[in-house]
Amino acid sequence: MPGTNKKIKGCGFHHLSMRVRDLNASIKFYTEALGFTERFSWGETPKRTVLLDTGDGNYFELSQGDPEKAHGDGVFHHIALRADDCAAALEAARAAGAEVTVETKDVTLSTEPPTPIRIAFLKGPDGELIELFQDERT
């Protein structure tokens, strides 16, 4: 079904991001226990991140957190929304009063092969971090 969001064309849920204490244990749990599939991985330990497909084209992103930290890991890091035009979506959010934390930029994930994406970040009214994510492959 085509998107119906008039502010962010192509909008839909893309991924949730979480920092975890033991990345390998979390990957094992989400793939073996819940049936997610690893689609992309980038970075080197201790900064590795994986993008797991939940089975319907939505993603769960896991990043290695600090294994020594008592708090702050095992919690959601940000939510990401799909956008056909990241820059236009960011400007609409800015016009509505959102605090922009990262301007629209092109990034290449160090996957194999490399994955170019366009992203931007903003804060919601309670300080929640929202990523706008533009990529045709995911």
N, C-alpha and C. Protein backbone atom coordinates (compact mmCIF):
# COMPACT_ATOMS: atom_id res chain seq x y z
N MET A 1 0.85 -1.17 0.00
CA MET A 1 0.00 0.00 0.00
C MET A 1 0.89 1.23 0.00
N PRO A 2 0.66 2.17 -0.89
CA PRO A 2 1.48 3.38 -0.91
C PRO A 2 1.27 4.21 0.35
N GLY A 3 2.32 4.93 0.74
CA GLY A 3 2.24 5.76 1.93
C GLY A 3 1.23 6.89 1.76
N THR A 4 0.66 7.30 2.87
CA THR A 4 -0.34 8.36 2.84
C THR A 4 0.10 9.59 3.63
N ASN A 5 1.30 9.56 4.20
CA ASN A 5 1.78 10.69 4.99
C ASN A 5 2.05 11.86 4.06
N LYS A 6 1.40 12.98 4.32
CA LYS A 6 1.53 14.17 3.46
C LYS A 6 2.78 14.99 3.80
N LYS A 7 3.34 14.85 5.00
CA LYS A 7 4.52 15.62 5.40
C LYS A 7 5.82 14.94 5.01
N ILE A 8 5.90 13.61 5.18
CA ILE A 8 7.11 12.85 4.87
C ILE A 8 6.75 11.81 3.82
N LYS A 9 7.03 12.10 2.57
CA LYS A 9 6.69 11.15 1.50
C LYS A 9 7.48 9.86 1.69
N GLY A 10 6.80 8.73 1.55
CA GLY A 10 7.43 7.43 1.72
C GLY A 10 7.60 7.04 3.17
N CYS A 11 6.99 7.78 4.10
CA CYS A 11 7.20 7.54 5.53
C CYS A 11 6.67 6.19 5.95
N GLY A 12 7.37 5.61 6.86
CA GLY A 12 6.98 4.38 7.51
C GLY A 12 8.04 4.06 8.54
N PHE A 13 7.77 3.12 9.37
CA PHE A 13 8.74 2.70 10.38
C PHE A 13 9.91 2.04 9.66
N HIS A 14 11.13 2.44 9.96
CA HIS A 14 12.30 1.80 9.37
C HIS A 14 13.00 0.93 10.40
N HIS A 15 13.45 1.51 11.52
CA HIS A 15 14.11 0.69 12.53
C HIS A 15 14.09 1.32 13.90
N LEU A 16 14.24 0.48 14.91
CA LEU A 16 14.53 0.88 16.28
C LEU A 16 15.98 0.56 16.53
N SER A 17 16.65 1.37 17.32
CA SER A 17 18.06 1.17 17.60
C SER A 17 18.26 1.00 19.10
N MET A 18 19.06 0.02 19.47
CA MET A 18 19.32 -0.25 20.88
C MET A 18 20.79 -0.56 21.10
N ARG A 19 21.36 -0.01 22.16
CA ARG A 19 22.71 -0.38 22.59
C ARG A 19 22.58 -1.57 23.53
N VAL A 20 23.45 -2.52 23.36
CA VAL A 20 23.38 -3.74 24.18
C VAL A 20 24.74 -4.01 24.83
N ARG A 21 24.73 -4.74 25.93
CA ARG A 21 25.97 -5.05 26.65
C ARG A 21 26.80 -6.11 25.95
N ASP A 22 26.12 -7.11 25.33
CA ASP A 22 26.82 -8.20 24.66
C ASP A 22 26.20 -8.37 23.28
N LEU A 23 26.82 -7.78 22.28
CA LEU A 23 26.26 -7.76 20.93
C LEU A 23 26.06 -9.17 20.38
N ASN A 24 27.04 -10.05 20.54
CA ASN A 24 26.92 -11.40 20.00
C ASN A 24 25.77 -12.17 20.65
N ALA A 25 25.60 -12.01 21.96
CA ALA A 25 24.49 -12.68 22.65
C ALA A 25 23.15 -12.13 22.15
N SER A 26 23.09 -10.83 21.92
CA SER A 26 21.85 -10.23 21.43
C SER A 26 21.54 -10.67 20.01
N ILE A 27 22.56 -10.72 19.15
CA ILE A 27 22.34 -11.21 17.78
C ILE A 27 21.82 -12.64 17.82
N LYS A 28 22.43 -13.47 18.63
CA LYS A 28 22.01 -14.87 18.75
C LYS A 28 20.55 -14.95 19.21
N PHE A 29 20.20 -14.17 20.22
CA PHE A 29 18.83 -14.19 20.74
C PHE A 29 17.83 -13.76 19.67
N TYR A 30 18.06 -12.62 19.05
CA TYR A 30 17.09 -12.10 18.09
C TYR A 30 17.00 -12.93 16.82
N THR A 31 18.09 -13.59 16.41
CA THR A 31 18.03 -14.43 15.22
C THR A 31 17.48 -15.81 15.55
N GLU A 32 17.99 -16.43 16.61
CA GLU A 32 17.57 -17.80 16.92
C GLU A 32 16.23 -17.86 17.64
N ALA A 33 16.00 -16.98 18.60
CA ALA A 33 14.76 -17.05 19.37
C ALA A 33 13.59 -16.38 18.66
N LEU A 34 13.88 -15.27 17.95
CA LEU A 34 12.79 -14.52 17.34
C LEU A 34 12.74 -14.58 15.83
N GLY A 35 13.74 -15.22 15.20
CA GLY A 35 13.70 -15.43 13.76
C GLY A 35 14.11 -14.24 12.91
N PHE A 36 14.73 -13.21 13.51
CA PHE A 36 15.22 -12.08 12.72
C PHE A 36 16.40 -12.55 11.87
N THR A 37 16.68 -11.82 10.79
CA THR A 37 17.78 -12.15 9.88
C THR A 37 18.76 -10.99 9.81
N GLU A 38 20.04 -11.29 9.95
CA GLU A 38 21.05 -10.24 9.84
C GLU A 38 21.15 -9.80 8.38
N ARG A 39 20.90 -8.51 8.13
CA ARG A 39 20.96 -7.98 6.77
C ARG A 39 22.26 -7.22 6.51
N PHE A 40 22.66 -6.38 7.45
CA PHE A 40 23.85 -5.55 7.29
C PHE A 40 24.62 -5.51 8.61
N SER A 41 25.92 -5.33 8.50
CA SER A 41 26.77 -5.18 9.67
C SER A 41 27.88 -4.21 9.28
N TRP A 42 28.24 -3.31 10.20
CA TRP A 42 29.33 -2.37 9.93
C TRP A 42 30.05 -2.03 11.22
N GLY A 43 31.25 -1.52 11.04
CA GLY A 43 32.07 -1.16 12.19
C GLY A 43 32.83 -2.37 12.71
N GLU A 44 33.81 -2.09 13.50
CA GLU A 44 34.64 -3.12 14.11
C GLU A 44 34.40 -3.12 15.62
N THR A 45 34.58 -4.26 16.24
CA THR A 45 34.48 -4.34 17.69
C THR A 45 35.48 -3.36 18.28
N PRO A 46 35.15 -2.51 19.20
CA PRO A 46 33.94 -2.51 20.03
C PRO A 46 32.83 -1.60 19.51
N LYS A 47 32.90 -1.13 18.29
CA LYS A 47 31.90 -0.19 17.76
C LYS A 47 31.02 -0.83 16.69
N ARG A 48 30.86 -2.13 16.71
CA ARG A 48 30.10 -2.84 15.68
C ARG A 48 28.60 -2.61 15.84
N THR A 49 27.92 -2.57 14.69
CA THR A 49 26.47 -2.42 14.65
C THR A 49 25.92 -3.39 13.62
N VAL A 50 24.75 -3.96 13.89
CA VAL A 50 24.08 -4.84 12.93
C VAL A 50 22.65 -4.37 12.73
N LEU A 51 22.13 -4.61 11.53
CA LEU A 51 20.75 -4.30 11.20
C LEU A 51 20.06 -5.64 10.94
N LEU A 52 19.10 -5.96 11.77
CA LEU A 52 18.38 -7.23 11.67
C LEU A 52 17.00 -6.99 11.07
N ASP A 53 16.64 -7.77 10.05
CA ASP A 53 15.32 -7.70 9.43
C ASP A 53 14.36 -8.51 10.31
N THR A 54 13.26 -7.88 10.73
CA THR A 54 12.31 -8.56 11.61
C THR A 54 11.44 -9.56 10.86
N GLY A 55 11.50 -9.53 9.52
CA GLY A 55 10.74 -10.48 8.71
C GLY A 55 9.75 -9.81 7.78
N ASP A 56 9.51 -8.52 8.00
CA ASP A 56 8.57 -7.82 7.14
C ASP A 56 9.15 -6.55 6.53
N GLY A 57 10.49 -6.47 6.52
CA GLY A 57 11.12 -5.29 5.96
C GLY A 57 11.35 -4.18 6.97
N ASN A 58 10.93 -4.38 8.21
CA ASN A 58 11.25 -3.45 9.28
C ASN A 58 12.50 -3.98 9.97
N TYR A 59 13.25 -3.09 10.61
CA TYR A 59 14.55 -3.48 11.13
C TYR A 59 14.72 -3.16 12.60
N PHE A 60 15.61 -3.93 13.21
CA PHE A 60 16.02 -3.73 14.59
C PHE A 60 17.53 -3.58 14.55
N GLU A 61 18.03 -2.43 14.97
CA GLU A 61 19.46 -2.14 14.91
C GLU A 61 20.06 -2.35 16.30
N LEU A 62 21.12 -3.14 16.37
CA LEU A 62 21.81 -3.40 17.63
C LEU A 62 23.23 -2.89 17.54
N SER A 63 23.66 -2.11 18.54
CA SER A 63 25.02 -1.59 18.60
C SER A 63 25.65 -2.01 19.91
N GLN A 64 26.94 -2.31 19.83
CA GLN A 64 27.66 -2.69 21.05
C GLN A 64 27.74 -1.48 21.98
N GLY A 65 27.24 -1.66 23.19
CA GLY A 65 27.34 -0.63 24.21
C GLY A 65 28.52 -0.92 25.11
N ASP A 66 28.57 -0.25 26.23
CA ASP A 66 29.63 -0.44 27.21
C ASP A 66 29.27 -1.60 28.12
N PRO A 67 30.00 -2.73 28.05
CA PRO A 67 29.65 -3.90 28.88
C PRO A 67 29.80 -3.64 30.37
N GLU A 68 30.53 -2.60 30.75
CA GLU A 68 30.75 -2.30 32.17
C GLU A 68 29.68 -1.38 32.75
N LYS A 69 28.88 -0.76 31.90
CA LYS A 69 27.88 0.19 32.36
C LYS A 69 26.71 -0.52 33.02
N ALA A 70 26.30 0.00 34.15
CA ALA A 70 25.15 -0.58 34.84
C ALA A 70 23.83 -0.11 34.21
N HIS A 71 23.81 1.11 33.68
CA HIS A 71 22.59 1.67 33.10
C HIS A 71 22.94 2.35 31.78
N GLY A 72 21.94 2.57 30.98
CA GLY A 72 22.15 3.28 29.73
C GLY A 72 22.26 2.36 28.53
N ASP A 73 22.48 1.08 28.75
CA ASP A 73 22.46 0.12 27.66
C ASP A 73 21.22 -0.76 27.84
N GLY A 74 20.86 -1.46 26.81
CA GLY A 74 19.65 -2.26 26.88
C GLY A 74 18.41 -1.39 26.82
N VAL A 75 18.60 -0.15 26.39
CA VAL A 75 17.47 0.76 26.21
C VAL A 75 17.50 1.26 24.77
N PHE A 76 16.37 1.72 24.31
CA PHE A 76 16.32 2.19 22.95
C PHE A 76 17.16 3.45 22.78
N HIS A 77 17.86 3.49 21.68
CA HIS A 77 18.74 4.61 21.36
C HIS A 77 17.98 5.65 20.54
N HIS A 78 17.31 5.21 19.46
CA HIS A 78 16.49 6.11 18.64
C HIS A 78 15.50 5.31 17.82
N ILE A 79 14.50 6.00 17.27
CA ILE A 79 13.61 5.40 16.29
C ILE A 79 13.96 6.00 14.93
N ALA A 80 13.75 5.25 13.88
CA ALA A 80 14.05 5.75 12.54
C ALA A 80 12.81 5.61 11.67
N LEU A 81 12.53 6.66 10.92
CA LEU A 81 11.41 6.67 9.99
C LEU A 81 11.93 6.72 8.57
N ARG A 82 11.33 5.93 7.70
CA ARG A 82 11.67 5.98 6.28
C ARG A 82 11.26 7.34 5.72
N ALA A 83 12.00 7.81 4.75
CA ALA A 83 11.65 9.05 4.06
C ALA A 83 12.13 8.96 2.62
N ASP A 84 11.27 9.32 1.68
CA ASP A 84 11.68 9.37 0.27
C ASP A 84 12.60 10.56 0.03
N ASP A 85 12.40 11.63 0.81
CA ASP A 85 13.21 12.85 0.68
C ASP A 85 13.56 13.34 2.08
N CYS A 86 14.70 12.91 2.56
CA CYS A 86 15.15 13.19 3.92
C CYS A 86 15.21 14.70 4.19
N ALA A 87 15.75 15.46 3.26
CA ALA A 87 15.91 16.90 3.46
C ALA A 87 14.56 17.60 3.58
N ALA A 88 13.61 17.25 2.74
CA ALA A 88 12.28 17.86 2.80
C ALA A 88 11.58 17.49 4.10
N ALA A 89 11.72 16.24 4.53
CA ALA A 89 11.11 15.81 5.78
C ALA A 89 11.70 16.57 6.97
N LEU A 90 13.02 16.77 6.94
CA LEU A 90 13.67 17.50 8.03
C LEU A 90 13.19 18.95 8.07
N GLU A 91 13.05 19.56 6.92
CA GLU A 91 12.58 20.95 6.88
C GLU A 91 11.14 21.07 7.39
N ALA A 92 10.30 20.08 7.08
CA ALA A 92 8.92 20.10 7.58
C ALA A 92 8.92 19.98 9.10
N ALA A 93 9.78 19.12 9.64
CA ALA A 93 9.88 18.96 11.09
C ALA A 93 10.40 20.24 11.74
N ARG A 94 11.42 20.83 11.12
CA ARG A 94 11.99 22.08 11.65
C ARG A 94 10.92 23.19 11.66
N ALA A 95 10.14 23.28 10.59
CA ALA A 95 9.09 24.29 10.51
C ALA A 95 8.03 24.10 11.60
N ALA A 96 7.87 22.86 12.04
CA ALA A 96 6.91 22.55 13.10
C ALA A 96 7.51 22.73 14.49
N GLY A 97 8.79 23.18 14.55
CA GLY A 97 9.40 23.47 15.84
C GLY A 97 10.34 22.41 16.37
N ALA A 98 10.61 21.37 15.59
CA ALA A 98 11.52 20.32 16.06
C ALA A 98 12.94 20.85 16.19
N GLU A 99 13.65 20.36 17.19
CA GLU A 99 15.07 20.68 17.35
C GLU A 99 15.87 19.71 16.49
N VAL A 100 16.59 20.24 15.51
CA VAL A 100 17.42 19.41 14.64
C VAL A 100 18.75 19.18 15.33
N THR A 101 19.14 17.91 15.44
CA THR A 101 20.42 17.59 16.08
C THR A 101 21.50 17.20 15.07
N VAL A 102 21.10 16.70 13.90
CA VAL A 102 22.04 16.39 12.82
C VAL A 102 21.36 16.78 11.52
N GLU A 103 21.97 17.70 10.79
CA GLU A 103 21.44 18.11 9.50
C GLU A 103 21.51 16.95 8.51
N THR A 104 20.72 17.02 7.46
CA THR A 104 20.72 15.99 6.42
C THR A 104 22.14 15.80 5.89
N LYS A 105 22.54 14.53 5.84
CA LYS A 105 23.87 14.23 5.32
C LYS A 105 23.87 12.85 4.69
N ASP A 106 24.79 12.67 3.76
CA ASP A 106 25.00 11.38 3.13
C ASP A 106 26.06 10.63 3.91
N VAL A 107 25.80 9.35 4.16
CA VAL A 107 26.70 8.50 4.91
C VAL A 107 26.83 7.19 4.14
N THR A 108 27.99 6.60 4.16
CA THR A 108 28.16 5.28 3.56
C THR A 108 28.51 4.31 4.67
N LEU A 109 27.60 3.35 4.88
CA LEU A 109 27.85 2.31 5.88
C LEU A 109 28.93 1.38 5.35
N SER A 110 29.82 0.96 6.21
CA SER A 110 30.95 0.13 5.77
C SER A 110 30.54 -1.34 5.69
N THR A 111 29.42 -1.58 5.01
CA THR A 111 28.97 -2.95 4.76
C THR A 111 29.70 -3.47 3.53
N GLU A 112 29.47 -4.72 3.17
CA GLU A 112 30.07 -5.29 1.96
C GLU A 112 28.96 -5.75 1.04
N PRO A 113 28.64 -5.09 -0.03
CA PRO A 113 29.29 -3.88 -0.52
C PRO A 113 28.85 -2.67 0.31
N PRO A 114 29.56 -1.55 0.19
CA PRO A 114 29.20 -0.35 0.94
C PRO A 114 27.76 0.09 0.65
N THR A 115 27.09 0.62 1.68
CA THR A 115 25.70 1.02 1.56
C THR A 115 25.56 2.53 1.77
N PRO A 116 25.33 3.28 0.69
CA PRO A 116 25.12 4.72 0.86
C PRO A 116 23.70 5.01 1.32
N ILE A 117 23.56 5.87 2.31
CA ILE A 117 22.26 6.27 2.83
C ILE A 117 22.26 7.78 3.04
N ARG A 118 21.11 8.34 3.26
CA ARG A 118 20.97 9.75 3.63
C ARG A 118 20.18 9.77 4.94
N ILE A 119 20.68 10.52 5.92
CA ILE A 119 20.05 10.56 7.24
C ILE A 119 19.99 11.99 7.77
N ALA A 120 19.17 12.17 8.79
CA ALA A 120 19.10 13.39 9.58
C ALA A 120 18.51 12.99 10.93
N PHE A 121 18.78 13.78 11.96
CA PHE A 121 18.25 13.50 13.29
C PHE A 121 17.58 14.74 13.86
N LEU A 122 16.53 14.51 14.63
CA LEU A 122 15.83 15.58 15.32
C LEU A 122 15.29 15.05 16.63
N LYS A 123 14.86 15.97 17.49
CA LYS A 123 14.27 15.57 18.77
C LYS A 123 12.78 15.82 18.75
N GLY A 124 12.05 14.86 19.34
CA GLY A 124 10.62 15.04 19.55
C GLY A 124 10.39 15.90 20.79
N PRO A 125 9.14 16.15 21.11
CA PRO A 125 8.82 17.07 22.21
C PRO A 125 9.29 16.62 23.59
N ASP A 126 9.50 15.34 23.78
CA ASP A 126 10.00 14.85 25.07
C ASP A 126 11.47 14.51 25.03
N GLY A 127 12.16 14.97 23.97
CA GLY A 127 13.59 14.71 23.85
C GLY A 127 13.92 13.41 23.16
N GLU A 128 12.91 12.66 22.70
CA GLU A 128 13.18 11.40 22.01
C GLU A 128 13.92 11.69 20.71
N LEU A 129 14.88 10.83 20.40
CA LEU A 129 15.70 11.01 19.21
C LEU A 129 15.05 10.29 18.04
N ILE A 130 14.85 11.03 16.95
CA ILE A 130 14.20 10.50 15.75
C ILE A 130 15.17 10.65 14.59
N GLU A 131 15.40 9.55 13.89
CA GLU A 131 16.23 9.57 12.69
C GLU A 131 15.35 9.51 11.47
N LEU A 132 15.64 10.32 10.48
CA LEU A 132 15.02 10.21 9.17
C LEU A 132 16.00 9.43 8.30
N PHE A 133 15.53 8.40 7.63
CA PHE A 133 16.39 7.42 6.96
C PHE A 133 15.93 7.24 5.53
N GLN A 134 16.81 7.58 4.59
CA GLN A 134 16.49 7.48 3.17
C GLN A 134 17.42 6.47 2.51
N ASP A 135 16.83 5.38 2.01
CA ASP A 135 17.58 4.34 1.31
C ASP A 135 16.60 3.44 0.60
N GLU A 136 16.82 3.20 -0.68
CA GLU A 136 15.89 2.40 -1.46
C GLU A 136 16.01 0.90 -1.19
N ARG A 137 17.14 0.42 -0.68
CA ARG A 137 17.35 -1.02 -0.51
C ARG A 137 16.78 -1.60 0.77
N THR A 138 16.54 -0.77 1.76
CA THR A 138 16.04 -1.31 3.03
C THR A 138 14.72 -0.68 3.39
